[in-house]
Amino acid sequence: MLKPFDHQTTTTEFILNNKHCLITSDPGTGKTRSVIDAYAQRRTGRMLVLAPLSILEASWGDDFSKFQPDISYVSAYAKNRASAFDSNADVVLTNHDAVKWITKNLRVLEGFDTLCIDEFTAFKNKDSQRSKAAAKIAEKFEYRIAMSGTPNSNTILDIWHPTLLVDGGERLGRRFYSFRNSVCTTKFNGFANEWTDKPDAEDTVAAALHDINIRYTLESCIDMPEQTVSTRYVDLSPVIYKQYLTLANESVLQADGAVISAIHAGAKIKKLLQLCTGCVYDGDGVQVGVHEERYQLVLDLIKERSHSLVAFNWQHERDHLVAECEKQKIKYGVIDGSTPPEKRKDVVDRLQAGHLQVVFCHPQSAGHGLTMTKATAVIWASPSYNAEHYQQFNRRIYRAGQTKRTEVIHIAARYTWEETVYEKLQSKLSRMEELLDILNTLHQQRKTA
């Protein structure tokens, strides 16, 4: 069995010494291994792991088999959930939304004493049914662990509810609005109050959480090859750019005889981004083709590299790219919301074995926990507004086990919202990294104290 890295051993010890803990180490540092080893040493009851559906087997299952084969586990999906909990398995792996079923069947938690929430940002919205259900079951567990390498990708408020699940409100309080008032300021934007993080919000939260949080940056614990980030531009044709400006200015577009409308600002930007990628959808959800120029650039980048991941946001992007790969006999795989868990694992295994040149991924479906280090490039066929999905997906190739230089390539249509979206992503990531840097500093100070 492979020996854990020093930072993994330290994280394992931290878990064993703290009944409630947050692990905010970078994506790719091997947080799963530390949790598994800690459970193997404590093992006083059963463990429930709540994780993204895509990584139940591909990440957690593989790591249990690899690092602690004596521990039995079962993956609980909708079709076998009841039997999985009723089994004799030491560990039950299930997806985040399963908490709603568990709250209606609390008896299944008898014998469990450890809860691990992987990618705790799934529970950042206190008002979602999923978060409310998680709050009901969290208090049933003596030991609680929550993990994410991207804890506050949009705002410092993202971390309040996940922390509540772990410590019951001891550090950030049980009242969300009191917490918001302490770390945010409000401004009326003409439609509603808009809350923004105070300049010292990161320091305030980090100081409150430092005793239950452990964090390592990837570069501080593993000698990682360089990763570069670049943008490749495409120009919209005069006809398409005129349509783009029409939609931007008037919120109505005529395309191939269909009328496309975008009344609200958010909907307008979404339509503009769709138009940049070669297609928009009318009111009935029907695709209206506009142009396909950018796809040739993506295919050229794929062919120039041995193994790549391509992020897409729209179904028509996937369909265009898959059709081109079929035509050009490029070996590919696809991971998106329609890919069943066992198929996702198969795609990852085939990529890691070198049998696929490219995997087309929706970042929400393949952005957490998967190791795809055979690839050395992430190509964004179009940008995502979600900073967490962006950061997490890039880390599928930039993580422990990577031995080659890697690159992240943005595709953007010049003079469009795509350029702005990439810029806004960097701003969001800067605020998130500020909090993480403070947490990391406090962790290092605690180690030397």
Protein backbone atom coordinates (compact mmCIF):
# COMPACT_ATOMS: atom_id res chain seq x y z
CA MET A 1 0.00 0.00 0.00
CA LEU A 2 1.27 3.48 -0.89
CA LYS A 3 2.54 5.50 2.06
CA PRO A 4 0.56 8.72 2.63
CA PHE A 5 2.22 12.11 2.11
CA ASP A 6 3.27 13.91 5.30
CA HIS A 7 0.45 16.45 4.95
CA GLN A 8 -2.07 13.60 4.64
CA THR A 9 -0.78 12.03 7.86
CA THR A 10 -1.00 15.39 9.64
CA THR A 11 -4.57 15.84 8.37
CA THR A 12 -5.48 12.36 9.59
CA GLU A 13 -4.14 13.21 13.06
CA PHE A 14 -6.09 16.48 13.04
CA ILE A 15 -9.32 14.61 12.29
CA LEU A 16 -8.64 12.15 15.12
CA ASN A 17 -7.99 15.00 17.55
CA ASN A 18 -11.09 17.02 16.64
CA LYS A 19 -14.64 15.70 16.69
CA HIS A 20 -15.71 18.51 14.37
CA CYS A 21 -13.44 19.73 11.59
CA LEU A 22 -13.24 21.54 8.27
CA ILE A 23 -10.68 20.50 5.66
CA THR A 24 -10.09 23.27 3.11
CA SER A 25 -6.92 21.96 1.49
CA ASP A 26 -6.57 22.56 -2.24
CA PRO A 27 -8.26 20.25 -4.73
CA GLY A 28 -5.82 17.48 -5.59
CA THR A 29 -4.09 17.24 -2.21
CA GLY A 30 -5.67 13.90 -1.32
CA LYS A 31 -8.19 14.87 1.36
CA THR A 32 -10.16 11.65 0.82
CA ARG A 33 -7.18 9.50 1.85
CA SER A 34 -6.82 11.37 5.15
CA VAL A 35 -10.48 10.85 6.04
CA ILE A 36 -10.34 7.16 5.15
CA ASP A 37 -7.19 6.60 7.25
CA ALA A 38 -8.70 8.48 10.21
CA TYR A 39 -11.85 6.38 10.06
CA ALA A 40 -9.78 3.19 9.87
CA GLN A 41 -7.95 4.15 13.08
CA ARG A 42 -11.02 5.30 15.04
CA ARG A 43 -13.70 2.95 13.69
CA THR A 44 -16.10 3.16 16.62
CA GLY A 45 -19.23 3.13 14.46
CA ARG A 46 -20.33 3.34 10.84
CA MET A 47 -19.54 6.29 8.58
CA LEU A 48 -21.83 8.13 6.16
CA VAL A 49 -20.16 9.95 3.28
CA LEU A 50 -22.15 12.56 1.36
CA ALA A 51 -20.42 13.36 -1.92
CA PRO A 52 -21.14 14.35 -5.53
CA LEU A 53 -22.75 11.47 -7.41
CA SER A 54 -19.94 11.40 -9.97
CA ILE A 55 -17.24 10.48 -7.43
CA LEU A 56 -18.91 7.90 -5.18
CA GLU A 57 -17.14 5.03 -6.95
CA ALA A 58 -14.56 6.87 -9.08
CA SER A 59 -12.98 8.57 -6.06
CA TRP A 60 -14.24 7.26 -2.73
CA GLY A 61 -14.77 3.66 -3.78
CA ASP A 62 -11.39 3.45 -5.49
CA ASP A 63 -9.59 5.02 -2.50
CA PHE A 64 -11.19 2.63 0.01
CA SER A 65 -10.18 -0.33 -2.16
CA LYS A 66 -6.67 1.04 -2.62
CA PHE A 67 -5.82 2.34 0.87
CA GLN A 68 -8.07 0.47 3.34
CA PRO A 69 -9.31 -2.71 1.64
CA ASP A 70 -10.37 -4.22 4.97
CA ILE A 71 -13.08 -1.59 5.38
CA SER A 72 -16.30 -2.55 3.63
CA TYR A 73 -18.32 0.10 1.81
CA VAL A 74 -21.46 0.31 -0.28
CA SER A 75 -22.60 3.00 -2.72
CA ALA A 76 -26.22 3.97 -2.11
CA TYR A 77 -28.12 5.19 -5.15
CA ALA A 78 -31.85 5.86 -5.40
CA LYS A 79 -32.54 2.29 -6.57
CA ASN A 80 -30.69 0.55 -3.71
CA ARG A 81 -30.62 3.16 -0.95
CA ALA A 82 -32.67 1.26 1.62
CA SER A 83 -30.76 -2.00 1.18
CA ALA A 84 -27.42 -0.17 1.26
CA PHE A 85 -28.16 1.36 4.68
CA ASP A 86 -29.52 -1.96 5.96
CA SER A 87 -26.34 -3.77 4.88
CA ASN A 88 -23.43 -4.61 7.16
CA ALA A 89 -21.04 -2.30 5.32
CA ASP A 90 -18.84 -0.12 7.53
CA VAL A 91 -19.28 2.88 5.24
CA VAL A 92 -22.20 4.08 3.16
CA LEU A 93 -21.39 6.39 0.24
CA THR A 94 -24.28 8.40 -1.13
CA ASN A 95 -24.99 11.63 -2.99
CA HIS A 96 -25.82 15.00 -1.44
CA ASP A 97 -29.54 14.89 -2.26
CA ALA A 98 -29.94 11.61 -0.37
CA VAL A 99 -30.24 13.65 2.84
CA LYS A 100 -33.89 14.36 1.96
CA TRP A 101 -34.62 10.61 1.92
CA ILE A 102 -32.63 10.05 5.12
CA THR A 103 -34.66 12.64 7.06
CA LYS A 104 -37.78 10.59 6.27
CA ASN A 105 -36.04 7.39 7.35
CA LEU A 106 -33.95 8.42 10.38
CA ARG A 107 -33.84 4.87 11.71
CA VAL A 108 -31.24 4.04 9.04
CA LEU A 109 -28.70 6.16 10.95
CA GLU A 110 -28.59 3.77 13.91
CA GLY A 111 -25.01 2.60 14.39
CA PHE A 112 -23.48 5.60 12.56
CA ASP A 113 -21.27 8.02 14.46
CA THR A 114 -19.22 9.67 11.69
CA LEU A 115 -20.44 12.03 8.98
CA CYS A 116 -18.18 13.21 6.16
CA ILE A 117 -19.46 15.84 3.74
CA ASP A 118 -17.32 15.98 0.62
CA GLU A 119 -17.64 19.27 -1.32
CA PHE A 120 -19.61 21.01 1.40
CA THR A 121 -20.54 23.93 -0.86
CA ALA A 122 -23.47 21.75 -1.97
CA PHE A 123 -25.05 22.88 1.31
CA LYS A 124 -24.13 26.59 1.22
CA ASN A 125 -27.71 27.74 0.53
CA LYS A 126 -29.41 27.62 3.93
CA ASP A 127 -32.87 27.77 2.36
CA SER A 128 -32.57 24.80 0.00
CA GLN A 129 -34.42 21.59 0.85
CA ARG A 130 -31.11 19.76 0.69
CA SER A 131 -29.48 22.07 3.27
CA LYS A 132 -32.46 21.96 5.62
CA ALA A 133 -32.42 18.17 5.50
CA ALA A 134 -28.66 18.07 6.13
CA ALA A 135 -29.11 20.26 9.22
CA LYS A 136 -31.64 17.77 10.61
CA ILE A 137 -29.31 14.78 10.31
CA ALA A 138 -25.93 16.38 11.12
CA GLU A 139 -26.67 16.60 14.84
CA LYS A 140 -27.13 12.81 14.92
CA PHE A 141 -23.39 12.27 14.41
CA GLU A 142 -20.70 12.51 17.08
CA TYR A 143 -17.91 13.07 14.55
CA ARG A 144 -18.43 15.52 11.68
CA ILE A 145 -16.03 16.33 8.84
CA ALA A 146 -16.67 18.73 5.95
CA MET A 147 -14.33 19.21 3.01
CA SER A 148 -13.94 21.67 0.15
CA GLY A 149 -11.01 23.25 -1.64
CA THR A 150 -13.28 26.07 -2.85
CA PRO A 151 -15.27 27.08 0.26
CA ASN A 152 -16.31 30.66 -0.62
CA SER A 153 -16.12 30.85 -4.39
CA ASN A 154 -18.82 33.56 -4.62
CA THR A 155 -19.06 35.24 -1.20
CA ILE A 156 -17.94 34.76 2.38
CA LEU A 157 -21.57 33.92 3.17
CA ASP A 158 -21.11 30.57 1.38
CA ILE A 159 -19.25 29.16 4.36
CA TRP A 160 -21.89 29.87 7.06
CA HIS A 161 -24.24 26.93 6.61
CA PRO A 162 -21.56 24.26 6.01
CA THR A 163 -19.89 25.41 9.23
CA LEU A 164 -23.23 25.21 11.05
CA LEU A 165 -23.51 21.57 9.96
CA VAL A 166 -20.12 20.83 11.49
CA ASP A 167 -20.14 22.76 14.78
CA GLY A 168 -23.83 23.52 15.35
CA GLY A 169 -23.29 27.28 15.14
CA GLU A 170 -20.61 27.52 17.84
CA ARG A 171 -18.22 29.68 15.78
CA LEU A 172 -20.20 31.62 13.17
CA GLY A 173 -23.46 31.65 15.12
CA ARG A 174 -26.81 30.00 14.58
CA ARG A 175 -28.42 33.11 13.04
CA PHE A 176 -27.54 33.69 9.38
CA TYR A 177 -28.71 37.30 9.28
CA SER A 178 -26.59 38.23 12.28
CA PHE A 179 -23.59 36.66 10.57
CA ARG A 180 -24.36 38.48 7.33
CA ASN A 181 -24.57 41.82 9.11
CA SER A 182 -21.17 41.22 10.71
CA VAL A 183 -19.28 40.35 7.50
CA CYS A 184 -21.20 42.15 4.72
CA THR A 185 -22.45 45.59 3.80
CA THR A 186 -25.62 46.32 1.85
CA LYS A 187 -26.32 48.65 -1.05
CA PHE A 188 -29.53 49.14 -3.02
CA ASN A 189 -28.82 48.43 -6.70
CA GLY A 190 -32.10 49.84 -8.01
CA PHE A 191 -33.97 46.55 -7.73
CA ALA A 192 -33.01 45.01 -4.40
CA ASN A 193 -30.43 45.12 -1.62
CA GLU A 194 -27.06 43.75 -2.72
CA TRP A 195 -24.75 42.32 -0.07
CA THR A 196 -20.98 42.53 -0.54
CA ASP A 197 -18.19 41.21 1.66
CA LYS A 198 -16.55 43.69 4.02
CA PRO A 199 -12.80 44.24 3.46
CA ASP A 200 -11.94 42.38 6.68
CA ALA A 201 -14.52 39.60 6.25
CA GLU A 202 -11.91 36.96 5.47
CA ASP A 203 -9.90 37.81 8.61
CA THR A 204 -13.02 37.70 10.78
CA VAL A 205 -14.13 34.30 9.52
CA ALA A 206 -10.65 32.77 9.47
CA ALA A 207 -10.06 33.78 13.10
CA ALA A 208 -13.35 32.16 14.11
CA LEU A 209 -12.63 28.89 12.30
CA HIS A 210 -8.92 28.43 12.79
CA ASP A 211 -9.19 25.85 15.58
CA ILE A 212 -11.38 23.44 13.58
CA ASN A 213 -9.85 24.04 10.16
CA ILE A 214 -6.85 22.46 8.51
CA ARG A 215 -5.54 23.51 5.12
CA TYR A 216 -2.64 22.77 2.79
CA THR A 217 -1.94 24.30 -0.60
CA LEU A 218 -1.06 21.84 -3.33
CA GLU A 219 2.26 23.52 -4.04
CA SER A 220 3.32 23.54 -0.36
CA CYS A 221 3.09 19.78 0.03
CA ILE A 222 3.72 18.34 -3.43
CA ASP A 223 6.35 19.34 -5.99
CA MET A 224 4.00 20.21 -8.85
CA PRO A 225 5.02 20.86 -12.45
CA GLU A 226 4.14 24.31 -13.82
CA GLN A 227 0.61 25.14 -14.98
CA THR A 228 -0.01 27.95 -17.47
CA VAL A 229 -3.24 29.80 -18.30
CA SER A 230 -3.86 31.39 -21.69
CA THR A 231 -6.74 32.68 -23.82
CA ARG A 232 -7.32 31.90 -27.49
CA TYR A 233 -9.61 34.29 -29.30
CA VAL A 234 -12.10 33.76 -32.07
CA ASP A 235 -13.77 36.51 -34.06
CA LEU A 236 -17.50 36.47 -34.64
CA SER A 237 -18.43 36.98 -38.28
CA PRO A 238 -19.91 40.43 -39.12
CA VAL A 239 -23.38 38.88 -39.43
CA ILE A 240 -23.14 37.11 -36.09
CA TYR A 241 -21.62 40.09 -34.32
CA LYS A 242 -24.49 42.24 -35.58
CA GLN A 243 -26.93 39.68 -34.09
CA TYR A 244 -24.93 39.78 -30.86
CA LEU A 245 -25.22 43.58 -30.64
CA THR A 246 -28.93 43.41 -31.46
CA LEU A 247 -29.55 41.00 -28.61
CA ALA A 248 -27.34 43.02 -26.27
CA ASN A 249 -29.17 46.25 -27.01
CA GLU A 250 -32.73 45.17 -27.66
CA SER A 251 -33.14 41.79 -25.90
CA VAL A 252 -34.72 40.36 -29.07
CA LEU A 253 -32.99 38.44 -31.84
CA GLN A 254 -34.25 37.04 -35.15
CA ALA A 255 -32.28 33.91 -36.03
CA ASP A 256 -33.22 31.59 -38.90
CA GLY A 257 -36.82 32.79 -38.72
CA ALA A 258 -37.23 32.18 -34.96
CA VAL A 259 -37.64 34.95 -32.40
CA ILE A 260 -35.25 34.74 -29.43
CA SER A 261 -36.06 36.91 -26.41
CA ALA A 262 -34.14 37.74 -23.24
CA ILE A 263 -36.08 40.04 -20.95
CA HIS A 264 -34.05 40.03 -17.76
CA ALA A 265 -30.38 40.98 -17.46
CA GLY A 266 -29.25 37.53 -16.33
CA ALA A 267 -31.22 35.85 -19.10
CA LYS A 268 -29.80 38.32 -21.61
CA ILE A 269 -26.21 37.49 -20.67
CA LYS A 270 -26.98 33.79 -20.85
CA LYS A 271 -28.42 34.23 -24.36
CA LEU A 272 -25.37 36.29 -25.38
CA LEU A 273 -23.03 33.56 -24.16
CA GLN A 274 -25.08 30.94 -25.99
CA LEU A 275 -24.86 32.99 -29.17
CA CYS A 276 -21.07 33.19 -28.87
CA THR A 277 -20.87 29.39 -28.75
CA GLY A 278 -22.84 28.90 -31.92
CA CYS A 279 -26.42 28.50 -30.89
CA VAL A 280 -29.31 29.99 -28.95
CA TYR A 281 -32.57 28.44 -27.76
CA ASP A 282 -35.99 29.86 -28.54
CA GLY A 283 -38.89 30.01 -26.08
CA ASP A 284 -39.75 26.36 -26.71
CA GLY A 285 -36.21 25.19 -25.99
CA VAL A 286 -35.48 24.48 -29.65
CA GLN A 287 -31.90 25.05 -30.77
CA VAL A 288 -31.49 27.70 -33.44
CA GLY A 289 -28.15 27.31 -35.22
CA VAL A 290 -26.07 30.43 -35.72
CA HIS A 291 -22.40 29.60 -36.40
CA GLU A 292 -19.79 26.90 -35.74
CA GLU A 293 -16.44 28.67 -36.21
CA ARG A 294 -15.07 28.17 -32.71
CA TYR A 295 -15.37 24.39 -32.79
CA GLN A 296 -12.60 24.07 -35.34
CA LEU A 297 -10.26 25.85 -32.92
CA VAL A 298 -11.19 23.44 -30.11
CA LEU A 299 -10.63 20.43 -32.40
CA ASP A 300 -7.27 21.81 -33.52
CA LEU A 301 -6.18 22.20 -29.90
CA ILE A 302 -7.30 18.63 -29.13
CA LYS A 303 -5.36 17.20 -32.10
CA GLU A 304 -2.21 19.06 -31.06
CA ARG A 305 -2.21 17.35 -27.65
CA SER A 306 -2.02 13.72 -26.53
CA HIS A 307 -4.76 13.89 -23.88
CA SER A 308 -7.11 16.76 -23.00
CA LEU A 309 -10.26 17.65 -21.10
CA VAL A 310 -12.76 19.99 -22.75
CA ALA A 311 -15.33 21.85 -20.65
CA PHE A 312 -18.67 22.62 -22.29
CA ASN A 313 -21.72 24.40 -20.90
CA TRP A 314 -24.40 23.76 -23.52
CA GLN A 315 -25.73 20.59 -25.07
CA HIS A 316 -25.16 21.91 -28.60
CA GLU A 317 -21.44 22.36 -27.82
CA ARG A 318 -21.18 18.72 -26.78
CA ASP A 319 -23.11 17.55 -29.84
CA HIS A 320 -20.98 19.58 -32.27
CA LEU A 321 -17.70 18.45 -30.71
CA VAL A 322 -18.72 14.79 -30.48
CA ALA A 323 -19.86 14.84 -34.11
CA GLU A 324 -16.50 16.26 -35.21
CA CYS A 325 -14.61 13.61 -33.21
CA GLU A 326 -16.71 10.88 -34.83
CA LYS A 327 -15.96 12.33 -38.24
CA GLN A 328 -12.23 12.64 -37.58
CA LYS A 329 -11.97 9.32 -35.71
CA ILE A 330 -10.70 10.91 -32.49
CA LYS A 331 -11.18 8.67 -29.45
CA TYR A 332 -13.32 10.52 -26.91
CA GLY A 333 -15.47 10.15 -23.82
CA VAL A 334 -18.27 12.25 -22.34
CA ILE A 335 -19.14 13.06 -18.73
CA ASP A 336 -22.26 15.12 -18.08
CA GLY A 337 -25.53 14.93 -16.20
CA SER A 338 -26.77 12.12 -18.43
CA THR A 339 -23.75 9.87 -17.75
CA PRO A 340 -24.53 7.17 -15.13
CA PRO A 341 -21.99 6.75 -12.27
CA GLU A 342 -20.56 3.44 -13.54
CA LYS A 343 -20.06 4.96 -17.00
CA ARG A 344 -18.27 7.99 -15.52
CA LYS A 345 -15.80 5.69 -13.77
CA ASP A 346 -15.26 3.80 -17.02
CA VAL A 347 -14.52 7.03 -18.91
CA VAL A 348 -12.01 8.13 -16.26
CA ASP A 349 -10.33 4.69 -16.26
CA ARG A 350 -10.02 4.68 -20.06
CA LEU A 351 -8.52 8.17 -20.07
CA GLN A 352 -6.04 7.26 -17.33
CA ALA A 353 -5.06 4.15 -19.31
CA GLY A 354 -4.32 6.35 -22.33
CA HIS A 355 -7.16 5.00 -24.48
CA LEU A 356 -8.94 8.37 -24.94
CA GLN A 357 -7.50 11.49 -26.49
CA VAL A 358 -10.16 13.78 -25.09
CA VAL A 359 -13.00 13.76 -22.58
CA PHE A 360 -15.80 16.30 -23.03
CA CYS A 361 -17.13 17.30 -19.62
CA HIS A 362 -19.82 19.47 -18.15
CA PRO A 363 -17.90 21.08 -15.26
CA GLN A 364 -20.75 20.54 -12.78
CA SER A 365 -20.69 16.79 -13.46
CA ALA A 366 -16.92 16.30 -13.60
CA GLY A 367 -15.65 19.15 -11.46
CA HIS A 368 -15.16 17.38 -8.12
CA GLY A 369 -13.02 14.53 -6.90
CA LEU A 370 -12.08 12.88 -10.19
CA THR A 371 -8.41 12.29 -10.99
CA MET A 372 -7.67 12.69 -14.71
CA THR A 373 -3.95 13.36 -14.65
CA LYS A 374 -3.28 11.57 -17.94
CA ALA A 375 -4.61 14.76 -19.52
CA THR A 376 -2.29 17.75 -19.53
CA ALA A 377 -4.68 20.39 -20.89
CA VAL A 378 -8.06 21.78 -19.86
CA ILE A 379 -9.76 23.58 -22.74
CA TRP A 380 -12.75 25.78 -21.90
CA ALA A 381 -14.89 25.69 -25.05
CA SER A 382 -16.93 28.41 -23.35
CA PRO A 383 -16.68 30.14 -19.96
CA SER A 384 -18.55 29.27 -16.77
CA TYR A 385 -19.83 31.96 -14.42
CA ASN A 386 -19.39 29.55 -11.51
CA ALA A 387 -15.97 30.09 -9.92
CA GLU A 388 -16.18 26.86 -7.95
CA HIS A 389 -16.85 24.79 -11.06
CA TYR A 390 -14.04 26.60 -12.88
CA GLN A 391 -11.45 26.07 -10.15
CA GLN A 392 -12.46 22.50 -9.39
CA PHE A 393 -12.53 21.40 -13.02
CA ASN A 394 -9.06 22.83 -13.68
CA ARG A 395 -7.80 20.75 -10.75
CA ARG A 396 -8.81 17.48 -12.39
CA ILE A 397 -5.41 17.51 -14.10
CA TYR A 398 -3.40 19.67 -11.67
CA ARG A 399 -3.25 17.40 -8.64
CA ALA A 400 -1.18 14.72 -6.92
CA GLY A 401 0.00 12.22 -9.51
CA GLN A 402 0.59 14.77 -12.27
CA THR A 403 4.17 14.57 -13.59
CA LYS A 404 3.96 16.86 -16.61
CA ARG A 405 3.44 20.56 -17.21
CA THR A 406 -0.24 21.41 -17.61
CA GLU A 407 -2.19 24.21 -19.26
CA VAL A 408 -5.61 25.82 -19.02
CA ILE A 409 -6.86 27.33 -22.27
CA HIS A 410 -9.80 29.74 -22.44
CA ILE A 411 -11.72 30.14 -25.68
CA ALA A 412 -13.32 33.59 -25.99
CA ALA A 413 -15.05 35.53 -28.73
CA ARG A 414 -13.38 38.91 -28.99
CA TYR A 415 -15.32 42.01 -27.79
CA THR A 416 -18.06 39.94 -26.13
CA TRP A 417 -19.26 39.02 -22.64
CA GLU A 418 -17.03 35.93 -22.72
CA GLU A 419 -13.96 38.08 -22.02
CA THR A 420 -15.80 39.72 -19.10
CA VAL A 421 -16.84 36.39 -17.61
CA TYR A 422 -13.24 35.13 -17.51
CA GLU A 423 -12.19 38.40 -15.82
CA LYS A 424 -14.96 38.12 -13.21
CA LEU A 425 -13.91 34.55 -12.48
CA GLN A 426 -10.43 35.72 -11.56
CA SER A 427 -11.88 38.37 -9.23
CA LYS A 428 -14.04 35.78 -7.44
CA LEU A 429 -11.09 33.42 -7.12
CA SER A 430 -8.93 36.20 -5.65
CA ARG A 431 -11.42 36.74 -2.78
CA MET A 432 -11.65 33.01 -2.15
CA GLU A 433 -7.88 32.60 -2.14
CA GLU A 434 -7.57 35.51 0.31
CA LEU A 435 -9.61 33.61 2.90
CA LEU A 436 -7.74 30.39 2.18
CA ASP A 437 -4.37 32.12 2.53
CA ILE A 438 -5.38 33.47 5.96
CA LEU A 439 -6.60 30.03 7.03
CA ASN A 440 -3.34 28.52 5.82
CA THR A 441 -1.30 31.08 7.78
CA LEU A 442 -3.27 30.41 10.96
CA HIS A 443 -2.80 26.65 10.45
CA GLN A 444 0.98 27.08 10.11
CA GLN A 445 1.08 29.28 13.21
CA ARG A 446 -0.83 26.64 15.19
CA LYS A 447 1.65 23.96 14.07
CA THR A 448 4.64 25.96 15.33
CA ALA A 449 2.98 27.16 18.55
